[in-house]
């Protein structure tokens, strides 16, 4: 079944027929685009989820939301690898790349954070976006 509240973000896999969606219902879902069915749910956010991104080389999904966290998921096992805290407000955008830093997030707290994917910790915070 689909989301029960507003869909806030989407990410499409470049290597498989999967679409990932996030919503105000605290849910992260994986859709199989060949069957148009939800095949996986990722549970962990404490409030609405507003952004998602896929790592370009690894089977890793990132999600961010109103709880101020960026969560890192193993796409295959559905296990949460990291819950990266540091933002003081909603995470509205996430970018992923193969080079370091592999994960970058932007928040309503007017900061951009660069994350260490291996350690699950913030490397640097960019401020002055007020």
Foldseek 3Di string as FASTA:
>chain_A
DDDPADWAEWEAAPPAQWIWTFFQNQWIFIARNVVRDTDDIAHDDPGGWHYKYAANPAQWIWTWFFVQWIWIANNPVSDTPETAHDGPGTWHYWDAYPDPPGIWTDGPSQKIFRANVVVSYTPDIDHDRD
